[in-house]
Amino acid sequence: MKPKLLTDLNNRRYARELRDTHWEFMERIEKLGMLWWCIWNKNGKEEALDEVRCSLIRGLEINSWIQRHRNWFRVGRWSEERYAQPVRLTRRGEWALHHRKRYDLEPVEGGLVEPGWIAYPSASHPDRQNAAESI
């Protein structure tokens, strides 16, 4: 069974919001050089300035982006002490971040139950481009 294609405006807006989260994640990595990432903050640890701690669903959504673009990220080993893993951008990842228009409208995939769903993001608002200063 194929993933369900979601096409209504609300789903496309949600996909846009999620794609903007992907870019913000990459912008923070670029700004800091390395970011500690916790895919599921089940223990409710407080987030430090060099960390991103996610709920399970949001963490899986970011993980899907990382897996889709493995050559953009270097993900290190999990640290029990930090309860997170270090993530860096590769040169290709930095290039993609600065040329995001090429990738911005790629489909977003989600869903915890097979076969899941796919939605294409609505167009990005011009003010969202290169918003690293706001993070």
N, C-alpha and C. Protein backbone atom coordinates (compact mmCIF):
# COMPACT_ATOMS: atom_id res chain seq x y z
N MET A 1 0.83 -1.17 0.00
CA MET A 1 0.00 0.00 0.00
C MET A 1 0.89 1.25 0.00
N LYS A 2 0.53 2.21 -0.82
CA LYS A 2 1.30 3.45 -0.92
C LYS A 2 0.92 4.41 0.20
N PRO A 3 1.88 5.29 0.58
CA PRO A 3 1.52 6.34 1.54
C PRO A 3 0.41 7.23 0.96
N LYS A 4 -0.43 7.74 1.83
CA LYS A 4 -1.53 8.60 1.41
C LYS A 4 -1.00 9.99 1.06
N LEU A 5 -1.38 10.50 -0.11
CA LEU A 5 -0.99 11.84 -0.52
C LEU A 5 -2.00 12.84 0.03
N LEU A 6 -1.55 13.74 0.88
CA LEU A 6 -2.41 14.77 1.47
C LEU A 6 -2.24 16.05 0.67
N THR A 7 -3.34 16.57 0.14
CA THR A 7 -3.23 17.71 -0.78
C THR A 7 -4.00 18.95 -0.34
N ASP A 8 -4.83 18.86 0.70
CA ASP A 8 -5.60 20.05 1.05
C ASP A 8 -4.70 21.12 1.66
N LEU A 9 -5.18 22.34 1.69
CA LEU A 9 -4.38 23.49 2.10
C LEU A 9 -3.84 23.34 3.52
N ASN A 10 -4.64 22.84 4.45
CA ASN A 10 -4.18 22.68 5.83
C ASN A 10 -3.01 21.70 5.93
N ASN A 11 -3.07 20.61 5.19
CA ASN A 11 -1.96 19.66 5.19
C ASN A 11 -0.72 20.25 4.55
N ARG A 12 -0.89 21.02 3.49
CA ARG A 12 0.24 21.66 2.84
C ARG A 12 0.86 22.73 3.76
N ARG A 13 0.03 23.42 4.52
CA ARG A 13 0.55 24.40 5.49
C ARG A 13 1.33 23.69 6.59
N TYR A 14 0.80 22.55 7.06
CA TYR A 14 1.52 21.77 8.07
C TYR A 14 2.87 21.31 7.51
N ALA A 15 2.87 20.86 6.27
CA ALA A 15 4.12 20.43 5.63
C ALA A 15 5.09 21.61 5.52
N ARG A 16 4.59 22.81 5.25
CA ARG A 16 5.44 24.01 5.20
C ARG A 16 6.05 24.28 6.57
N GLU A 17 5.22 24.20 7.60
CA GLU A 17 5.70 24.41 8.96
C GLU A 17 6.81 23.41 9.31
N LEU A 18 6.59 22.18 8.92
CA LEU A 18 7.59 21.14 9.18
C LEU A 18 8.87 21.39 8.39
N ARG A 19 8.74 21.76 7.12
CA ARG A 19 9.93 22.04 6.32
C ARG A 19 10.71 23.23 6.90
N ASP A 20 10.01 24.25 7.38
CA ASP A 20 10.68 25.38 8.02
C ASP A 20 11.43 24.92 9.27
N THR A 21 10.87 23.95 9.99
CA THR A 21 11.56 23.38 11.15
C THR A 21 12.86 22.69 10.72
N HIS A 22 12.82 22.00 9.58
CA HIS A 22 14.03 21.36 9.06
C HIS A 22 15.12 22.40 8.81
N TRP A 23 14.74 23.48 8.13
CA TRP A 23 15.73 24.52 7.83
C TRP A 23 16.25 25.19 9.10
N GLU A 24 15.37 25.44 10.06
CA GLU A 24 15.80 26.06 11.32
C GLU A 24 16.78 25.15 12.06
N PHE A 25 16.53 23.85 12.02
CA PHE A 25 17.44 22.88 12.63
C PHE A 25 18.82 23.00 11.98
N MET A 26 18.85 23.05 10.66
CA MET A 26 20.13 23.17 9.94
C MET A 26 20.79 24.51 10.21
N GLU A 27 20.01 25.58 10.31
CA GLU A 27 20.57 26.90 10.59
C GLU A 27 21.24 26.92 11.96
N ARG A 28 20.62 26.28 12.93
CA ARG A 28 21.23 26.23 14.27
C ARG A 28 22.52 25.43 14.25
N ILE A 29 22.53 24.34 13.50
CA ILE A 29 23.77 23.56 13.39
C ILE A 29 24.86 24.43 12.77
N GLU A 30 24.53 25.12 11.69
CA GLU A 30 25.52 25.96 11.03
C GLU A 30 26.02 27.07 11.96
N LYS A 31 25.12 27.68 12.67
CA LYS A 31 25.48 28.78 13.57
C LYS A 31 26.42 28.31 14.68
N LEU A 32 26.15 27.12 15.24
CA LEU A 32 26.93 26.62 16.37
C LEU A 32 28.10 25.72 15.96
N GLY A 33 28.07 25.21 14.75
CA GLY A 33 29.10 24.26 14.31
C GLY A 33 28.72 22.83 14.61
N MET A 34 28.11 22.62 15.76
CA MET A 34 27.62 21.30 16.16
C MET A 34 26.44 21.52 17.09
N LEU A 35 25.48 20.63 17.00
CA LEU A 35 24.28 20.72 17.83
C LEU A 35 24.03 19.35 18.44
N TRP A 36 23.73 19.32 19.73
CA TRP A 36 23.34 18.07 20.37
C TRP A 36 21.86 17.89 20.15
N TRP A 37 21.48 16.73 19.62
CA TRP A 37 20.10 16.47 19.23
C TRP A 37 19.56 15.25 19.97
N CYS A 38 18.42 15.42 20.60
CA CYS A 38 17.72 14.33 21.28
C CYS A 38 16.43 14.06 20.51
N ILE A 39 16.35 12.90 19.88
CA ILE A 39 15.20 12.57 19.04
C ILE A 39 13.92 12.45 19.86
N TRP A 40 14.04 12.04 21.13
CA TRP A 40 12.85 11.90 21.97
C TRP A 40 13.23 12.21 23.41
N ASN A 41 12.83 13.36 23.85
CA ASN A 41 13.15 13.82 25.20
C ASN A 41 12.14 13.24 26.20
N LYS A 42 12.12 11.92 26.30
CA LYS A 42 11.12 11.26 27.14
C LYS A 42 11.32 11.54 28.63
N ASN A 43 12.53 11.94 29.02
CA ASN A 43 12.79 12.25 30.43
C ASN A 43 12.53 13.71 30.76
N GLY A 44 12.18 14.51 29.76
CA GLY A 44 11.85 15.92 30.00
C GLY A 44 13.03 16.78 30.41
N LYS A 45 14.24 16.42 29.96
CA LYS A 45 15.41 17.24 30.29
C LYS A 45 15.26 18.63 29.69
N GLU A 46 15.76 19.61 30.40
CA GLU A 46 15.72 20.98 29.91
C GLU A 46 16.75 21.14 28.78
N GLU A 47 16.41 21.95 27.79
CA GLU A 47 17.24 22.14 26.61
C GLU A 47 18.30 23.20 26.87
N ALA A 48 19.56 22.85 26.64
CA ALA A 48 20.67 23.81 26.73
C ALA A 48 20.75 24.59 25.42
N LEU A 49 21.56 25.64 25.38
CA LEU A 49 21.66 26.49 24.18
C LEU A 49 22.19 25.74 22.97
N ASP A 50 23.00 24.70 23.21
CA ASP A 50 23.57 23.93 22.09
C ASP A 50 22.83 22.62 21.87
N GLU A 51 21.56 22.56 22.26
CA GLU A 51 20.77 21.34 22.14
C GLU A 51 19.42 21.60 21.48
N VAL A 52 18.91 20.55 20.86
CA VAL A 52 17.52 20.50 20.41
C VAL A 52 16.96 19.22 20.99
N ARG A 53 15.92 19.35 21.80
CA ARG A 53 15.25 18.20 22.41
C ARG A 53 13.83 18.15 21.87
N CYS A 54 13.48 17.03 21.28
CA CYS A 54 12.21 16.91 20.56
C CYS A 54 11.23 15.99 21.27
N SER A 55 9.95 16.21 20.97
CA SER A 55 8.94 15.20 21.28
C SER A 55 9.18 14.06 20.29
N LEU A 56 8.62 12.91 20.55
CA LEU A 56 8.87 11.76 19.69
C LEU A 56 8.47 12.03 18.24
N ILE A 57 7.28 12.57 18.03
CA ILE A 57 6.82 12.78 16.65
C ILE A 57 7.70 13.79 15.95
N ARG A 58 7.97 14.93 16.57
CA ARG A 58 8.82 15.94 15.92
C ARG A 58 10.24 15.39 15.70
N GLY A 59 10.74 14.61 16.65
CA GLY A 59 12.05 14.00 16.49
C GLY A 59 12.09 13.05 15.31
N LEU A 60 11.04 12.26 15.14
CA LEU A 60 10.98 11.35 14.00
C LEU A 60 10.89 12.11 12.68
N GLU A 61 10.20 13.26 12.70
CA GLU A 61 10.10 14.07 11.49
C GLU A 61 11.46 14.65 11.10
N ILE A 62 12.22 15.10 12.08
CA ILE A 62 13.58 15.59 11.80
C ILE A 62 14.47 14.43 11.36
N ASN A 63 14.33 13.28 12.02
CA ASN A 63 15.12 12.12 11.64
C ASN A 63 14.84 11.70 10.20
N SER A 64 13.60 11.79 9.78
CA SER A 64 13.25 11.47 8.40
C SER A 64 13.99 12.39 7.43
N TRP A 65 14.09 13.68 7.76
CA TRP A 65 14.83 14.66 6.94
C TRP A 65 16.31 14.29 6.89
N ILE A 66 16.88 13.94 8.04
CA ILE A 66 18.29 13.55 8.09
C ILE A 66 18.52 12.30 7.26
N GLN A 67 17.65 11.31 7.39
CA GLN A 67 17.80 10.06 6.64
C GLN A 67 17.64 10.29 5.14
N ARG A 68 16.75 11.18 4.78
CA ARG A 68 16.53 11.48 3.36
C ARG A 68 17.76 12.15 2.73
N HIS A 69 18.49 12.90 3.56
CA HIS A 69 19.66 13.65 3.08
C HIS A 69 20.89 13.28 3.91
N ARG A 70 21.23 12.01 3.89
CA ARG A 70 22.35 11.51 4.70
C ARG A 70 23.67 12.22 4.40
N ASN A 71 23.86 12.66 3.17
CA ASN A 71 25.12 13.30 2.81
C ASN A 71 25.19 14.76 3.28
N TRP A 72 24.14 15.27 3.89
CA TRP A 72 24.16 16.63 4.43
C TRP A 72 24.57 16.69 5.89
N PHE A 73 24.49 15.55 6.58
CA PHE A 73 24.69 15.53 8.03
C PHE A 73 25.74 14.51 8.43
N ARG A 74 26.46 14.82 9.49
CA ARG A 74 27.30 13.85 10.19
C ARG A 74 26.70 13.72 11.59
N VAL A 75 26.17 12.55 11.86
CA VAL A 75 25.55 12.30 13.15
C VAL A 75 26.48 11.41 13.96
N GLY A 76 26.87 11.91 15.12
CA GLY A 76 27.79 11.17 15.98
C GLY A 76 27.08 10.17 16.87
N ARG A 77 27.88 9.55 17.73
CA ARG A 77 27.35 8.53 18.65
C ARG A 77 26.55 9.16 19.78
N TRP A 78 25.56 8.42 20.20
CA TRP A 78 24.71 8.83 21.30
C TRP A 78 25.54 8.97 22.58
N SER A 79 25.31 10.03 23.33
CA SER A 79 25.97 10.25 24.61
C SER A 79 24.93 10.12 25.72
N GLU A 80 25.12 9.15 26.59
CA GLU A 80 24.20 9.01 27.74
C GLU A 80 24.34 10.20 28.67
N GLU A 81 25.55 10.73 28.78
CA GLU A 81 25.77 11.89 29.65
C GLU A 81 24.95 13.09 29.18
N ARG A 82 24.96 13.38 27.88
CA ARG A 82 24.18 14.50 27.32
C ARG A 82 22.75 14.09 26.99
N TYR A 83 22.49 12.81 26.93
CA TYR A 83 21.22 12.24 26.49
C TYR A 83 20.85 12.86 25.14
N ALA A 84 21.82 12.80 24.24
CA ALA A 84 21.67 13.38 22.90
C ALA A 84 22.83 12.87 22.05
N GLN A 85 22.78 13.21 20.76
CA GLN A 85 23.89 12.86 19.88
C GLN A 85 24.30 14.11 19.10
N PRO A 86 25.60 14.24 18.83
CA PRO A 86 26.08 15.43 18.11
C PRO A 86 25.75 15.34 16.62
N VAL A 87 25.35 16.48 16.06
CA VAL A 87 25.04 16.55 14.63
C VAL A 87 25.79 17.75 14.05
N ARG A 88 26.43 17.52 12.91
CA ARG A 88 27.13 18.57 12.18
C ARG A 88 26.64 18.56 10.74
N LEU A 89 26.85 19.67 10.05
CA LEU A 89 26.56 19.72 8.62
C LEU A 89 27.83 19.39 7.85
N THR A 90 27.67 18.65 6.77
CA THR A 90 28.77 18.45 5.84
C THR A 90 28.83 19.66 4.91
N ARG A 91 29.82 19.71 4.05
CA ARG A 91 29.87 20.81 3.06
C ARG A 91 28.65 20.78 2.15
N ARG A 92 28.22 19.59 1.79
CA ARG A 92 27.00 19.47 0.97
C ARG A 92 25.79 20.01 1.72
N GLY A 93 25.73 19.75 3.02
CA GLY A 93 24.63 20.26 3.83
C GLY A 93 24.64 21.77 3.91
N GLU A 94 25.83 22.35 4.07
CA GLU A 94 25.95 23.81 4.09
C GLU A 94 25.52 24.38 2.74
N TRP A 95 25.94 23.73 1.67
CA TRP A 95 25.57 24.19 0.33
C TRP A 95 24.06 24.13 0.16
N ALA A 96 23.45 23.01 0.57
CA ALA A 96 22.00 22.85 0.45
C ALA A 96 21.26 23.90 1.26
N LEU A 97 21.76 24.21 2.43
CA LEU A 97 21.12 25.23 3.27
C LEU A 97 21.12 26.58 2.57
N HIS A 98 22.22 26.91 1.92
CA HIS A 98 22.32 28.20 1.24
C HIS A 98 21.64 28.21 -0.13
N HIS A 99 21.26 27.04 -0.62
CA HIS A 99 20.54 26.91 -1.89
C HIS A 99 19.23 26.18 -1.65
N ARG A 100 18.58 26.52 -0.57
CA ARG A 100 17.39 25.78 -0.12
C ARG A 100 16.24 25.80 -1.10
N LYS A 101 16.19 26.78 -1.98
CA LYS A 101 15.07 26.82 -2.94
C LYS A 101 15.03 25.55 -3.79
N ARG A 102 16.18 24.92 -3.99
CA ARG A 102 16.22 23.68 -4.78
C ARG A 102 15.53 22.52 -4.07
N TYR A 103 15.46 22.58 -2.73
CA TYR A 103 14.97 21.45 -1.94
C TYR A 103 13.72 21.78 -1.14
N ASP A 104 13.35 23.04 -1.10
CA ASP A 104 12.31 23.51 -0.20
C ASP A 104 10.95 22.87 -0.44
N LEU A 105 10.64 22.52 -1.67
CA LEU A 105 9.32 21.97 -1.98
C LEU A 105 9.33 20.45 -2.13
N GLU A 106 10.39 19.80 -1.66
CA GLU A 106 10.40 18.33 -1.66
C GLU A 106 9.25 17.83 -0.80
N PRO A 107 8.73 16.66 -1.09
CA PRO A 107 7.64 16.13 -0.28
C PRO A 107 8.07 15.89 1.17
N VAL A 108 7.15 16.08 2.07
CA VAL A 108 7.34 15.79 3.49
C VAL A 108 6.64 14.46 3.75
N GLU A 109 7.31 13.57 4.45
CA GLU A 109 6.74 12.26 4.76
C GLU A 109 6.51 12.17 6.26
N GLY A 110 5.45 11.49 6.64
CA GLY A 110 5.17 11.35 8.06
C GLY A 110 4.23 10.20 8.33
N GLY A 111 3.86 10.11 9.59
CA GLY A 111 2.93 9.07 10.01
C GLY A 111 3.64 7.98 10.79
N LEU A 112 3.03 7.57 11.88
CA LEU A 112 3.60 6.51 12.71
C LEU A 112 3.06 5.14 12.32
N VAL A 113 2.01 5.11 11.52
CA VAL A 113 1.39 3.85 11.12
C VAL A 113 1.58 3.70 9.61
N GLU A 114 2.01 2.50 9.20
CA GLU A 114 2.18 2.27 7.76
C GLU A 114 0.83 2.37 7.08
N PRO A 115 0.75 2.89 5.90
CA PRO A 115 1.84 3.33 5.05
C PRO A 115 2.25 4.78 5.25
N GLY A 116 1.66 5.51 6.16
CA GLY A 116 2.05 6.88 6.40
C GLY A 116 1.41 7.84 5.42
N TRP A 117 2.01 9.04 5.28
CA TRP A 117 1.47 10.06 4.41
C TRP A 117 2.59 10.87 3.77
N ILE A 118 2.25 11.56 2.71
CA ILE A 118 3.15 12.46 1.99
C ILE A 118 2.37 13.74 1.72
N ALA A 119 3.01 14.88 1.92
CA ALA A 119 2.40 16.17 1.58
C ALA A 119 3.47 17.07 1.01
N TYR A 120 3.10 17.88 0.03
CA TYR A 120 4.02 18.87 -0.53
C TYR A 120 3.80 20.19 0.18
N PRO A 121 4.88 20.82 0.68
CA PRO A 121 4.72 22.07 1.42
C PRO A 121 4.15 23.18 0.55
N SER A 122 3.37 24.04 1.19
CA SER A 122 2.94 25.25 0.50
C SER A 122 4.18 26.12 0.29
N ALA A 123 4.06 27.13 -0.55
CA ALA A 123 5.20 27.99 -0.86
C ALA A 123 5.70 28.68 0.41
N SER A 124 7.00 28.89 0.46
CA SER A 124 7.62 29.55 1.61
C SER A 124 7.38 31.04 1.57
N HIS A 125 7.18 31.63 2.73
CA HIS A 125 7.06 33.08 2.82
C HIS A 125 8.45 33.68 2.63
N PRO A 126 8.60 34.76 1.87
CA PRO A 126 9.92 35.34 1.60
C PRO A 126 10.70 35.69 2.86
N ASP A 127 10.03 36.08 3.94
CA ASP A 127 10.72 36.45 5.17
C ASP A 127 11.34 35.25 5.88
N ARG A 128 10.94 34.03 5.52
CA ARG A 128 11.47 32.83 6.17
C ARG A 128 12.84 32.47 5.65
N GLN A 129 13.22 32.94 4.48
CA GLN A 129 14.52 32.60 3.92
C GLN A 129 15.63 33.20 4.77
N ASN A 130 16.62 32.38 5.11
CA ASN A 130 17.79 32.81 5.88
C ASN A 130 17.41 33.50 7.18
N ALA A 131 16.65 32.83 7.99
CA ALA A 131 16.16 33.40 9.25
C ALA A 131 17.03 33.02 10.45
N ALA A 132 18.30 32.69 10.23
CA ALA A 132 19.18 32.23 11.32
C ALA A 132 19.32 33.25 12.43
N GLU A 133 19.20 34.54 12.12
CA GLU A 133 19.37 35.56 13.13
C GLU A 133 18.29 35.48 14.20
N SER A 134 17.14 34.92 13.88
CA SER A 134 16.03 34.86 14.84
C SER A 134 16.12 33.66 15.77
N ILE A 135 17.06 32.76 15.52
CA ILE A 135 17.16 31.54 16.33
C ILE A 135 18.07 31.77 17.53
